[in-house]
C-alpha atoms as a PDB file:
ATOM      1  CA  MET A   1     -43.445 166.715 -18.032  1.00  0.00           C
ATOM      2  CA  ARG A   2     -45.685 164.552 -15.874  1.00  0.00           C
ATOM      3  CA  ALA A   3     -44.267 162.248 -13.250  1.00  0.00           C
ATOM      4  CA  GLY A   4     -45.753 158.828 -12.840  1.00  0.00           C
ATOM      5  CA  ALA A   5     -45.592 156.564  -9.817  1.00  0.00           C
ATOM      6  CA  GLY A   6     -41.977 155.947  -8.807  1.00  0.00           C
ATOM      7  CA  GLU A   7     -40.664 158.658 -11.090  1.00  0.00           C
ATOM      8  CA  VAL A   8     -38.888 161.771  -9.807  1.00  0.00           C
ATOM      9  CA  VAL A   9     -38.726 165.050 -11.724  1.00  0.00           C
ATOM     10  CA  ARG A  10     -35.287 166.733 -11.851  1.00  0.00           C
ATOM     11  CA  VAL A  11     -35.190 170.536 -12.017  1.00  0.00           C
ATOM     12  CA  ARG A  12     -32.458 173.175 -11.905  1.00  0.00           C
ATOM     13  CA  PRO A  13     -33.433 175.927  -9.482  1.00  0.00           C
ATOM     14  CA  ILE A  14     -32.180 179.432 -10.329  1.00  0.00           C
ATOM     15  CA  ASP A  15     -29.665 179.289  -7.286  1.00  0.00           C
ATOM     16  CA  GLY A  16     -27.568 176.956  -9.508  1.00  0.00           C
ATOM     17  CA  HIS A  17     -27.905 173.950  -7.183  1.00  0.00           C
ATOM     18  CA  ASP A  18     -29.475 170.763  -8.498  1.00  0.00           C
ATOM     19  CA  GLY A  19     -32.576 169.775  -6.582  1.00  0.00           C
ATOM     20  CA  TRP A  20     -35.603 167.527  -6.726  1.00  0.00           C
ATOM     21  CA  ALA A  21     -38.834 169.225  -7.759  1.00  0.00           C
ATOM     22  CA  LEU A  22     -41.026 166.605  -6.257  1.00  0.00           C
ATOM     23  CA  GLU A  23     -38.310 164.707  -4.356  1.00  0.00           C
ATOM     24  CA  GLU A  24     -40.336 161.591  -3.379  1.00  0.00           C
ATOM     25  CA  ALA A  25     -43.708 163.231  -3.910  1.00  0.00           C
ATOM     26  CA  ALA A  26     -44.260 161.288  -7.115  1.00  0.00           C
ATOM     27  CA  ARG A  27     -43.500 157.931  -5.430  1.00  0.00           C
ATOM     28  CA  SER A  28     -46.270 155.762  -4.050  1.00  0.00           C
ATOM     29  CA  ARG A  29     -45.758 155.360  -0.298  1.00  0.00           C
ATOM     30  CA  SER A  30     -47.697 153.760   2.489  1.00  0.00           C
ATOM     31  CA  GLU A  31     -45.780 155.309   5.369  1.00  0.00           C
ATOM     32  CA  PRO A  32     -44.912 158.834   6.245  1.00  0.00           C
ATOM     33  CA  PHE A  33     -41.550 160.431   5.591  1.00  0.00           C
ATOM     34  CA  PRO A  34     -39.946 160.452   8.994  1.00  0.00           C
ATOM     35  CA  SER A  35     -39.257 164.177   9.303  1.00  0.00           C
ATOM     36  CA  HIS A  36     -42.503 165.551   8.084  1.00  0.00           C
ATOM     37  CA  GLY A  37     -45.342 162.992   8.578  1.00  0.00           C
ATOM     38  CA  VAL A  38     -46.188 163.288   4.881  1.00  0.00           C
ATOM     39  CA  TRP A  39     -47.540 160.625   2.644  1.00  0.00           C
ATOM     40  CA  ALA A  40     -46.880 161.191  -1.000  1.00  0.00           C
ATOM     41  CA  GLY A  41     -48.576 159.835  -4.180  1.00  0.00           C
ATOM     42  CA  VAL A  42     -48.812 160.979  -7.697  1.00  0.00           C
ATOM     43  CA  GLY A  43     -50.300 164.560  -7.564  1.00  0.00           C
ATOM     44  CA  ARG A  44     -51.174 164.681  -3.902  1.00  0.00           C
ATOM     45  CA  VAL A  45     -49.695 165.100  -0.468  1.00  0.00           C
ATOM     46  CA  ARG A  46     -51.606 164.260   2.877  1.00  0.00           C
ATOM     47  CA  VAL A  47     -50.292 165.672   6.024  1.00  0.00           C
ATOM     48  CA  ASP A  48     -50.638 163.743   9.297  1.00  0.00           C
ATOM     49  CA  ASP A  49     -51.778 166.057  12.002  1.00  0.00           C
ATOM     50  CA  GLY A  50     -50.354 163.706  14.663  1.00  0.00           C
ATOM     51  CA  GLU A  51     -53.787 162.966  15.978  1.00  0.00           C
ATOM     52  CA  GLY A  52     -54.830 160.323  13.533  1.00  0.00           C
ATOM     53  CA  SER A  53     -56.552 162.569  10.980  1.00  0.00           C
ATOM     54  CA  GLU A  54     -55.301 164.168   7.755  1.00  0.00           C
ATOM     55  CA  LYS A  55     -55.468 167.475   6.254  1.00  0.00           C
ATOM     56  CA  MET A  56     -54.653 168.633   2.769  1.00  0.00           C
ATOM     57  CA  SER A  57     -51.601 170.781   2.131  1.00  0.00           C
ATOM     58  CA  SER A  58     -51.748 174.347   0.760  1.00  0.00           C
ATOM     59  CA  VAL A  59     -50.112 174.791  -2.660  1.00  0.00           C
ATOM     60  CA  ILE A  60     -49.283 178.156  -4.247  1.00  0.00           C
ATOM     61  CA  ILE A  61     -48.209 178.431  -7.826  1.00  0.00           C
ATOM     62  CA  VAL A  62     -46.996 181.917  -9.010  1.00  0.00           C
ATOM     63  CA  HIS A  63     -45.885 182.998 -12.435  1.00  0.00           C
ATOM     64  CA  TYR A  64     -43.885 186.208 -12.843  1.00  0.00           C
ATOM     65  CA  LYS A  65     -42.975 188.232 -15.938  1.00  0.00           C
ATOM     66  CA  VAL A  66     -40.206 190.652 -15.002  1.00  0.00           C
ATOM     67  CA  LYS A  67     -39.761 194.246 -16.348  1.00  0.00           C
ATOM     68  CA  PRO A  68     -36.987 194.571 -18.929  1.00  0.00           C
ATOM     69  CA  GLY A  69     -33.601 195.176 -17.433  1.00  0.00           C
ATOM     70  CA  PHE A  70     -34.504 193.662 -13.988  1.00  0.00           C
ATOM     71  CA  GLU A  71     -34.315 189.955 -14.751  1.00  0.00           C
ATOM     72  CA  GLU A  72     -31.017 189.361 -12.828  1.00  0.00           C
ATOM     73  CA  HIS A  73     -32.084 191.498  -9.913  1.00  0.00           C
ATOM     74  CA  VAL A  74     -35.250 189.485  -9.561  1.00  0.00           C
ATOM     75  CA  ALA A  75     -33.319 186.082 -10.067  1.00  0.00           C
ATOM     76  CA  HIS A  76     -31.005 187.065  -7.369  1.00  0.00           C
ATOM     77  CA  SER A  77     -33.848 188.037  -4.920  1.00  0.00           C
ATOM     78  CA  LEU A  78     -35.885 184.919  -5.604  1.00  0.00           C
ATOM     79  CA  ALA A  79     -32.793 182.726  -5.006  1.00  0.00           C
ATOM     80  CA  ARG A  80     -32.374 184.366  -1.649  1.00  0.00           C
ATOM     81  CA  MET A  81     -35.888 183.114  -0.640  1.00  0.00           C
ATOM     82  CA  VAL A  82     -35.109 179.424  -1.223  1.00  0.00           C
ATOM     83  CA  GLU A  83     -32.963 178.452   1.803  1.00  0.00           C
ATOM     84  CA  PRO A  84     -34.932 180.170   4.580  1.00  0.00           C
ATOM     85  CA  THR A  85     -38.226 179.154   3.134  1.00  0.00           C
ATOM     86  CA  ARG A  86     -37.236 175.490   2.861  1.00  0.00           C
ATOM     87  CA  ALA A  87     -36.117 175.725   6.506  1.00  0.00           C
ATOM     88  CA  GLU A  88     -39.570 176.760   7.739  1.00  0.00           C
ATOM     89  CA  PRO A  89     -41.300 174.110   9.810  1.00  0.00           C
ATOM     90  CA  GLY A  90     -44.453 174.232   7.834  1.00  0.00           C
ATOM     91  CA  ASN A  91     -42.872 174.184   4.329  1.00  0.00           C
ATOM     92  CA  LEU A  92     -43.008 171.002   2.264  1.00  0.00           C
ATOM     93  CA  ALA A  93     -41.627 172.377  -0.955  1.00  0.00           C
ATOM     94  CA  TYR A  94     -40.328 175.641  -2.324  1.00  0.00           C
ATOM     95  CA  ASN A  95     -38.991 175.547  -5.944  1.00  0.00           C
ATOM     96  CA  VAL A  96     -38.083 178.587  -7.994  1.00  0.00           C
ATOM     97  CA  CYS A  97     -37.777 178.014 -11.762  1.00  0.00           C
ATOM     98  CA  ARG A  98     -36.775 180.190 -14.684  1.00  0.00           C
ATOM     99  CA  SER A  99     -37.724 179.836 -18.313  1.00  0.00           C
ATOM    100  CA  PRO A 100     -34.761 178.860 -20.448  1.00  0.00           C
ATOM    101  CA  GLN A 101     -36.542 180.498 -23.490  1.00  0.00           C
ATOM    102  CA  ASP A 102     -37.359 183.762 -21.812  1.00  0.00           C
ATOM    103  CA  PRO A 103     -35.101 184.837 -18.971  1.00  0.00           C
ATOM    104  CA  ALA A 104     -37.823 187.281 -17.734  1.00  0.00           C
ATOM    105  CA  VAL A 105     -40.292 184.446 -16.905  1.00  0.00           C
ATOM    106  CA  PHE A 106     -40.213 182.775 -13.507  1.00  0.00           C
ATOM    107  CA  ALA A 107     -42.461 180.208 -11.735  1.00  0.00           C
ATOM    108  CA  ILE A 108     -42.456 179.263  -8.057  1.00  0.00           C
ATOM    109  CA  TYR A 109     -44.119 176.102  -6.684  1.00  0.00           C
ATOM    110  CA  GLU A 110     -44.743 176.282  -2.947  1.00  0.00           C
ATOM    111  CA  GLU A 111     -46.317 173.756  -0.680  1.00  0.00           C
ATOM    112  CA  TYR A 112     -47.122 174.082   3.034  1.00  0.00           C
ATOM    113  CA  VAL A 113     -48.668 171.832   5.651  1.00  0.00           C
ATOM    114  CA  ASP A 114     -51.684 174.219   6.033  1.00  0.00           C
ATOM    115  CA  ALA A 115     -52.884 177.829   5.635  1.00  0.00           C
ATOM    116  CA  ALA A 116     -51.267 178.810   8.970  1.00  0.00           C
ATOM    117  CA  ALA A 117     -47.782 177.903   7.553  1.00  0.00           C
ATOM    118  CA  VAL A 118     -48.539 180.028   4.494  1.00  0.00           C
ATOM    119  CA  THR A 119     -49.491 183.019   6.777  1.00  0.00           C
ATOM    120  CA  ALA A 120     -46.235 182.382   8.894  1.00  0.00           C
ATOM    121  CA  HIS A 121     -44.156 182.421   5.611  1.00  0.00           C
ATOM    122  CA  ALA A 122     -45.768 185.633   4.359  1.00  0.00           C
ATOM    123  CA  SER A 123     -44.991 187.219   7.700  1.00  0.00           C
ATOM    124  CA  SER A 124     -41.245 186.470   7.702  1.00  0.00           C
ATOM    125  CA  ASP A 125     -38.518 189.182   7.401  1.00  0.00           C
ATOM    126  CA  TYR A 126     -37.115 187.628   4.325  1.00  0.00           C
ATOM    127  CA  PHE A 127     -40.415 187.500   2.581  1.00  0.00           C
ATOM    128  CA  GLU A 128     -40.847 191.299   3.341  1.00  0.00           C
ATOM    129  CA  HIS A 129     -37.436 192.060   2.052  1.00  0.00           C
ATOM    130  CA  TRP A 130     -36.683 189.761  -0.848  1.00  0.00           C
ATOM    131  CA  LEU A 131     -40.330 189.365  -2.232  1.00  0.00           C
ATOM    132  CA  LYS A 132     -42.220 192.428  -1.376  1.00  0.00           C
ATOM    133  CA  ASN A 133     -39.345 194.940  -1.625  1.00  0.00           C
ATOM    134  CA  GLU A 134     -36.801 193.404  -4.084  1.00  0.00           C
ATOM    135  CA  THR A 135     -39.186 191.359  -6.426  1.00  0.00           C
ATOM    136  CA  LEU A 136     -42.705 192.602  -6.685  1.00  0.00           C
ATOM    137  CA  PRO A 137     -41.928 196.219  -7.784  1.00  0.00           C
ATOM    138  CA  TYR A 138     -39.974 194.815 -10.722  1.00  0.00           C
ATOM    139  CA  LEU A 139     -42.774 192.677 -12.162  1.00  0.00           C
ATOM    140  CA  GLU A 140     -44.672 193.375 -15.396  1.00  0.00           C
ATOM    141  CA  GLU A 141     -47.164 190.524 -14.654  1.00  0.00           C
ATOM    142  CA  ARG A 142     -47.935 188.347 -11.639  1.00  0.00           C
ATOM    143  CA  ARG A 143     -50.337 185.460 -11.481  1.00  0.00           C
ATOM    144  CA  ARG A 144     -50.981 183.555  -8.284  1.00  0.00           C
ATOM    145  CA  HIS A 145     -52.882 180.350  -7.940  1.00  0.00           C
ATOM    146  CA  ASP A 146     -53.936 179.281  -4.372  1.00  0.00           C
ATOM    147  CA  LEU A 147     -54.642 175.481  -4.381  1.00  0.00           C
ATOM    148  CA  VAL A 148     -55.220 172.596  -2.099  1.00  0.00           C
ATOM    149  CA  ALA A 149     -53.671 169.172  -2.838  1.00  0.00           C
ATOM    150  CA  LEU A 150     -56.269 166.510  -3.616  1.00  0.00           C
END
């Protein structure tokens, strides 16, 4: 599904709580969101650096295929990453999704204000525990895409 201007895409993250995948990111806006200094438009997010210039956000999309028998273990581990990651000062979005057709398939959409925020995320204790130790060893396949918002 593709969101158009003014539309919001609804998702059901694996932690069971309803959430907004793009929140207001699909809405055309001319002013920043108060808490993040972020302008959003269809398919792009610009981050105000507070000094009158802009930088493009860092986006990571990962796809996981879990080894048979470890689907629920990985689902639990990924769900534990959501709250602390969303609380990071440099995090703009962190959405974990699971395929309804194949419970072994997961996708994560992450967006950070810059590369430094990505590095800070990857250096966290919860990343080390829940992702490196409790998720990655149980994967059959892993694809990661490092992107920059246009």
